[in-house]
Amino acid sequence: MLESEVKAQLERLVMNTNNQNIMNLLNKLETKTAADLDGIKHIYNVDLDPSLEKMIVVNQTSFDYLDTLKDTDGRYLLQYSVADPTQSTLFGSKIVVVPDTVLKPVEGEITIFMGSLFDYVALLQRDEIMATWTNFDSYSEGLSVILRNDYQVVDDSAMVKVTLKTATE
């Protein structure tokens, strides 16, 4: 394997580890339930400090649901940036989409995290990744990657977790 390929794989491992640990902290938030998009907007407007630089974090399934919502004139609710057509916003806030493998979808509902991720969690990183070839037992060996990071909640009021039921019973 080329050195650049190994470096790219290590960077993906670090990113996946960071994403998973941050999602674990986000999932510890108390869940607020919204009955409809107006309920989500109410939580966005009232429960979050207006001085926060807000973002919306969703998984692929939740993004797909939001991306198909239309107003009464048939226009899609999500807005796309002219400068970056791959970047969408809801309520004026950037939407960050994480894979369904990181934030597992729940049948019949969508999960949305809203607020400032940068004010919610601190990612403390040691600027070093160690990779060694390790003998695990007498019959196997493999690559061992050691990442020394810590993830701490700084301000638990900076983010909210919202669920919206999408299935009718």
C-alpha atoms as a PDB file:
ATOM      1  CA  MET A   1       0.000   0.000   0.000  1.00  0.00           C
ATOM      2  CA  LEU A   2       1.299   3.446  -0.807  1.00  0.00           C
ATOM      3  CA  GLU A   3       2.147   5.784   2.059  1.00  0.00           C
ATOM      4  CA  SER A   4      -0.524   8.268   0.933  1.00  0.00           C
ATOM      5  CA  GLU A   5      -3.184   5.517   0.957  1.00  0.00           C
ATOM      6  CA  VAL A   6      -2.218   4.469   4.484  1.00  0.00           C
ATOM      7  CA  LYS A   7      -2.337   8.092   5.626  1.00  0.00           C
ATOM      8  CA  ALA A   8      -5.780   8.558   4.035  1.00  0.00           C
ATOM      9  CA  GLN A   9      -7.099   5.401   5.754  1.00  0.00           C
ATOM     10  CA  LEU A  10      -5.740   6.576   9.123  1.00  0.00           C
ATOM     11  CA  GLU A  11      -7.412   9.960   8.632  1.00  0.00           C
ATOM     12  CA  ARG A  12     -10.738   8.205   7.903  1.00  0.00           C
ATOM     13  CA  LEU A  13     -10.331   6.077  11.044  1.00  0.00           C
ATOM     14  CA  VAL A  14      -9.705   9.213  13.124  1.00  0.00           C
ATOM     15  CA  MET A  15     -12.680  11.012  11.572  1.00  0.00           C
ATOM     16  CA  ASN A  16     -14.975   8.007  12.154  1.00  0.00           C
ATOM     17  CA  THR A  17     -13.771   7.724  15.764  1.00  0.00           C
ATOM     18  CA  ASN A  18     -14.360  11.424  16.363  1.00  0.00           C
ATOM     19  CA  ASN A  19     -17.812  11.287  14.749  1.00  0.00           C
ATOM     20  CA  GLN A  20     -18.862   8.270  16.812  1.00  0.00           C
ATOM     21  CA  ASN A  21     -17.682   9.747  20.114  1.00  0.00           C
ATOM     22  CA  ILE A  22     -19.346  13.095  19.419  1.00  0.00           C
ATOM     23  CA  MET A  23     -22.590  11.309  18.429  1.00  0.00           C
ATOM     24  CA  ASN A  24     -22.445   9.364  21.701  1.00  0.00           C
ATOM     25  CA  LEU A  25     -22.415  12.685  23.592  1.00  0.00           C
ATOM     26  CA  LEU A  26     -25.210  14.108  21.443  1.00  0.00           C
ATOM     27  CA  ASN A  27     -27.379  11.040  22.033  1.00  0.00           C
ATOM     28  CA  LYS A  28     -27.193  11.679  25.795  1.00  0.00           C
ATOM     29  CA  LEU A  29     -29.219  14.875  25.338  1.00  0.00           C
ATOM     30  CA  GLU A  30     -32.793  14.857  26.629  1.00  0.00           C
ATOM     31  CA  THR A  31     -35.089  14.319  23.654  1.00  0.00           C
ATOM     32  CA  LYS A  32     -37.739  16.903  22.816  1.00  0.00           C
ATOM     33  CA  THR A  33     -40.641  15.784  20.651  1.00  0.00           C
ATOM     34  CA  ALA A  34     -42.127  17.889  17.875  1.00  0.00           C
ATOM     35  CA  ALA A  35     -45.479  17.175  16.263  1.00  0.00           C
ATOM     36  CA  ASP A  36     -44.619  18.896  12.988  1.00  0.00           C
ATOM     37  CA  LEU A  37     -42.130  21.234  11.324  1.00  0.00           C
ATOM     38  CA  ASP A  38     -43.646  24.195  13.204  1.00  0.00           C
ATOM     39  CA  GLY A  39     -42.815  22.384  16.453  1.00  0.00           C
ATOM     40  CA  ILE A  40     -39.205  21.968  15.332  1.00  0.00           C
ATOM     41  CA  LYS A  41     -39.058  25.657  14.419  1.00  0.00           C
ATOM     42  CA  HIS A  42     -40.489  26.596  17.842  1.00  0.00           C
ATOM     43  CA  ILE A  43     -37.762  24.583  19.603  1.00  0.00           C
ATOM     44  CA  TYR A  44     -35.157  26.154  17.303  1.00  0.00           C
ATOM     45  CA  ASN A  45     -36.417  29.697  18.036  1.00  0.00           C
ATOM     46  CA  VAL A  46     -37.208  29.407  21.762  1.00  0.00           C
ATOM     47  CA  ASP A  47     -35.040  26.687  23.308  1.00  0.00           C
ATOM     48  CA  LEU A  48     -31.725  27.734  21.757  1.00  0.00           C
ATOM     49  CA  ASP A  49     -29.798  30.880  22.623  1.00  0.00           C
ATOM     50  CA  PRO A  50     -30.132  33.270  19.652  1.00  0.00           C
ATOM     51  CA  SER A  51     -26.462  34.237  19.948  1.00  0.00           C
ATOM     52  CA  LEU A  52     -25.329  30.714  19.003  1.00  0.00           C
ATOM     53  CA  GLU A  53     -23.976  30.024  15.549  1.00  0.00           C
ATOM     54  CA  LYS A  54     -26.510  27.267  14.935  1.00  0.00           C
ATOM     55  CA  MET A  55     -26.270  24.207  12.762  1.00  0.00           C
ATOM     56  CA  ILE A  56     -28.532  21.237  12.204  1.00  0.00           C
ATOM     57  CA  VAL A  57     -27.105  17.707  12.357  1.00  0.00           C
ATOM     58  CA  VAL A  58     -29.120  14.858  10.824  1.00  0.00           C
ATOM     59  CA  ASN A  59     -28.529  11.390   9.449  1.00  0.00           C
ATOM     60  CA  GLN A  60     -29.118  10.479   5.807  1.00  0.00           C
ATOM     61  CA  THR A  61     -32.650   9.202   6.439  1.00  0.00           C
ATOM     62  CA  SER A  62     -33.698  12.358   8.305  1.00  0.00           C
ATOM     63  CA  PHE A  63     -32.115  14.547   5.627  1.00  0.00           C
ATOM     64  CA  ASP A  64     -34.050  12.693   2.937  1.00  0.00           C
ATOM     65  CA  TYR A  65     -37.293  13.381   4.806  1.00  0.00           C
ATOM     66  CA  LEU A  66     -36.472  17.086   5.264  1.00  0.00           C
ATOM     67  CA  ASP A  67     -35.285  17.407   1.669  1.00  0.00           C
ATOM     68  CA  THR A  68     -38.671  16.293   0.343  1.00  0.00           C
ATOM     69  CA  LEU A  69     -40.810  18.695   2.416  1.00  0.00           C
ATOM     70  CA  LYS A  70     -42.648  21.326   0.367  1.00  0.00           C
ATOM     71  CA  ASP A  71     -44.568  24.481   1.182  1.00  0.00           C
ATOM     72  CA  THR A  72     -48.155  25.091   0.033  1.00  0.00           C
ATOM     73  CA  ASP A  73     -46.881  26.362  -3.337  1.00  0.00           C
ATOM     74  CA  GLY A  74     -44.963  23.130  -3.978  1.00  0.00           C
ATOM     75  CA  ARG A  75     -41.499  24.628  -3.337  1.00  0.00           C
ATOM     76  CA  TYR A  76     -38.988  22.619  -1.357  1.00  0.00           C
ATOM     77  CA  LEU A  77     -38.368  23.978   2.156  1.00  0.00           C
ATOM     78  CA  LEU A  78     -34.634  23.367   2.220  1.00  0.00           C
ATOM     79  CA  GLN A  79     -32.634  26.172   0.688  1.00  0.00           C
ATOM     80  CA  TYR A  80     -29.462  25.517  -1.286  1.00  0.00           C
ATOM     81  CA  SER A  81     -26.509  27.885  -1.455  1.00  0.00           C
ATOM     82  CA  VAL A  82     -25.777  29.493  -4.810  1.00  0.00           C
ATOM     83  CA  ALA A  83     -22.066  29.454  -3.955  1.00  0.00           C
ATOM     84  CA  ASP A  84     -22.130  25.764  -2.964  1.00  0.00           C
ATOM     85  CA  PRO A  85     -25.109  23.836  -4.386  1.00  0.00           C
ATOM     86  CA  THR A  86     -24.248  20.824  -2.208  1.00  0.00           C
ATOM     87  CA  GLN A  87     -24.805  22.875   0.972  1.00  0.00           C
ATOM     88  CA  SER A  88     -28.380  23.180   2.223  1.00  0.00           C
ATOM     89  CA  THR A  89     -29.944  25.192   5.050  1.00  0.00           C
ATOM     90  CA  LEU A  90     -33.073  24.955   7.161  1.00  0.00           C
ATOM     91  CA  PHE A  91     -34.254  28.010   9.135  1.00  0.00           C
ATOM     92  CA  GLY A  92     -31.094  29.710   7.836  1.00  0.00           C
ATOM     93  CA  SER A  93     -28.787  27.169   9.509  1.00  0.00           C
ATOM     94  CA  LYS A  94     -26.333  24.897   7.759  1.00  0.00           C
ATOM     95  CA  ILE A  95     -27.343  21.236   7.634  1.00  0.00           C
ATOM     96  CA  VAL A  96     -24.651  18.659   8.387  1.00  0.00           C
ATOM     97  CA  VAL A  97     -25.481  15.139   7.229  1.00  0.00           C
ATOM     98  CA  VAL A  98     -23.841  12.181   8.945  1.00  0.00           C
ATOM     99  CA  PRO A  99     -24.082   8.607   7.684  1.00  0.00           C
ATOM    100  CA  ASP A 100     -26.891   6.373   8.930  1.00  0.00           C
ATOM    101  CA  THR A 101     -24.149   4.089  10.268  1.00  0.00           C
ATOM    102  CA  VAL A 102     -23.053   6.834  12.696  1.00  0.00           C
ATOM    103  CA  LEU A 103     -26.542   8.009  13.700  1.00  0.00           C
ATOM    104  CA  LYS A 104     -28.840   5.016  13.377  1.00  0.00           C
ATOM    105  CA  PRO A 105     -32.279   5.814  11.929  1.00  0.00           C
ATOM    106  CA  VAL A 106     -35.376   4.921  13.946  1.00  0.00           C
ATOM    107  CA  GLU A 107     -38.368   3.523  12.055  1.00  0.00           C
ATOM    108  CA  GLY A 108     -41.187   6.067  11.847  1.00  0.00           C
ATOM    109  CA  GLU A 109     -39.315   9.093  13.147  1.00  0.00           C
ATOM    110  CA  ILE A 110     -36.520  11.472  12.308  1.00  0.00           C
ATOM    111  CA  THR A 111     -33.886  12.745  14.721  1.00  0.00           C
ATOM    112  CA  ILE A 112     -32.497  16.256  14.494  1.00  0.00           C
ATOM    113  CA  PHE A 113     -29.756  17.867  16.565  1.00  0.00           C
ATOM    114  CA  MET A 114     -29.889  21.661  16.533  1.00  0.00           C
ATOM    115  CA  GLY A 115     -27.600  24.281  18.029  1.00  0.00           C
ATOM    116  CA  SER A 116     -23.885  24.973  18.171  1.00  0.00           C
ATOM    117  CA  LEU A 117     -21.815  21.813  18.149  1.00  0.00           C
ATOM    118  CA  PHE A 118     -18.700  23.905  18.761  1.00  0.00           C
ATOM    119  CA  ASP A 119     -20.168  25.302  21.995  1.00  0.00           C
ATOM    120  CA  TYR A 120     -21.598  21.931  23.051  1.00  0.00           C
ATOM    121  CA  VAL A 121     -18.573  19.658  22.864  1.00  0.00           C
ATOM    122  CA  ALA A 122     -14.830  20.099  23.263  1.00  0.00           C
ATOM    123  CA  LEU A 123     -12.607  17.762  21.297  1.00  0.00           C
ATOM    124  CA  LEU A 124      -9.281  17.521  23.103  1.00  0.00           C
ATOM    125  CA  GLN A 125      -6.733  16.044  20.739  1.00  0.00           C
ATOM    126  CA  ARG A 126      -3.229  14.902  21.300  1.00  0.00           C
ATOM    127  CA  ASP A 127      -1.435  15.714  18.089  1.00  0.00           C
ATOM    128  CA  GLU A 128      -0.217  12.179  17.601  1.00  0.00           C
ATOM    129  CA  ILE A 129      -1.498   8.967  16.086  1.00  0.00           C
ATOM    130  CA  MET A 130       0.489   5.846  16.750  1.00  0.00           C
ATOM    131  CA  ALA A 131       0.309   2.924  14.362  1.00  0.00           C
ATOM    132  CA  THR A 132       2.169  -0.317  14.975  1.00  0.00           C
ATOM    133  CA  TRP A 133       2.064  -3.863  13.712  1.00  0.00           C
ATOM    134  CA  THR A 134       1.007  -5.994  16.675  1.00  0.00           C
ATOM    135  CA  ASN A 135       1.004  -9.722  17.453  1.00  0.00           C
ATOM    136  CA  PHE A 136      -2.379 -10.334  19.087  1.00  0.00           C
ATOM    137  CA  ASP A 137      -1.752 -13.992  19.933  1.00  0.00           C
ATOM    138  CA  SER A 138       0.350 -16.801  18.550  1.00  0.00           C
ATOM    139  CA  TYR A 139      -1.775 -17.070  15.389  1.00  0.00           C
ATOM    140  CA  SER A 140      -2.631 -13.508  14.402  1.00  0.00           C
ATOM    141  CA  GLU A 141      -1.201 -10.086  13.916  1.00  0.00           C
ATOM    142  CA  GLY A 142      -2.507  -6.821  12.608  1.00  0.00           C
ATOM    143  CA  LEU A 143      -2.301  -3.088  12.482  1.00  0.00           C
ATOM    144  CA  SER A 144      -2.946  -1.384  15.805  1.00  0.00           C
ATOM    145  CA  VAL A 145      -3.865   2.309  15.649  1.00  0.00           C
ATOM    146  CA  ILE A 146      -3.835   4.341  18.861  1.00  0.00           C
ATOM    147  CA  LEU A 147      -5.628   7.670  19.013  1.00  0.00           C
ATOM    148  CA  ARG A 148      -5.521   9.756  22.175  1.00  0.00           C
ATOM    149  CA  ASN A 149      -8.521  12.069  22.202  1.00  0.00           C
ATOM    150  CA  ASP A 150     -11.051  13.144  24.774  1.00  0.00           C
ATOM    151  CA  TYR A 151     -14.580  14.394  24.203  1.00  0.00           C
ATOM    152  CA  GLN A 152     -16.268  16.556  26.862  1.00  0.00           C
ATOM    153  CA  VAL A 153     -19.580  18.400  27.007  1.00  0.00           C
ATOM    154  CA  VAL A 154     -18.870  22.083  27.605  1.00  0.00           C
ATOM    155  CA  ASP A 155     -22.352  23.646  27.447  1.00  0.00           C
ATOM    156  CA  ASP A 156     -25.275  21.210  27.454  1.00  0.00           C
ATOM    157  CA  SER A 157     -27.723  24.014  26.609  1.00  0.00           C
ATOM    158  CA  ALA A 158     -25.967  24.690  23.288  1.00  0.00           C
ATOM    159  CA  MET A 159     -27.625  21.726  21.534  1.00  0.00           C
ATOM    160  CA  VAL A 160     -31.063  20.132  21.550  1.00  0.00           C
ATOM    161  CA  LYS A 161     -32.180  16.736  20.296  1.00  0.00           C
ATOM    162  CA  VAL A 162     -35.565  16.699  18.576  1.00  0.00           C
ATOM    163  CA  THR A 163     -37.582  13.799  17.250  1.00  0.00           C
ATOM    164  CA  LEU A 164     -40.463  14.071  14.825  1.00  0.00           C
ATOM    165  CA  LYS A 165     -42.827  11.170  14.172  1.00  0.00           C
ATOM    166  CA  THR A 166     -43.183  10.566  10.438  1.00  0.00           C
ATOM    167  CA  ALA A 167     -45.414   7.485  10.437  1.00  0.00           C
ATOM    168  CA  THR A 168     -49.114   7.683  11.105  1.00  0.00           C
ATOM    169  CA  GLU A 169     -50.535   5.051  13.428  1.00  0.00           C
END
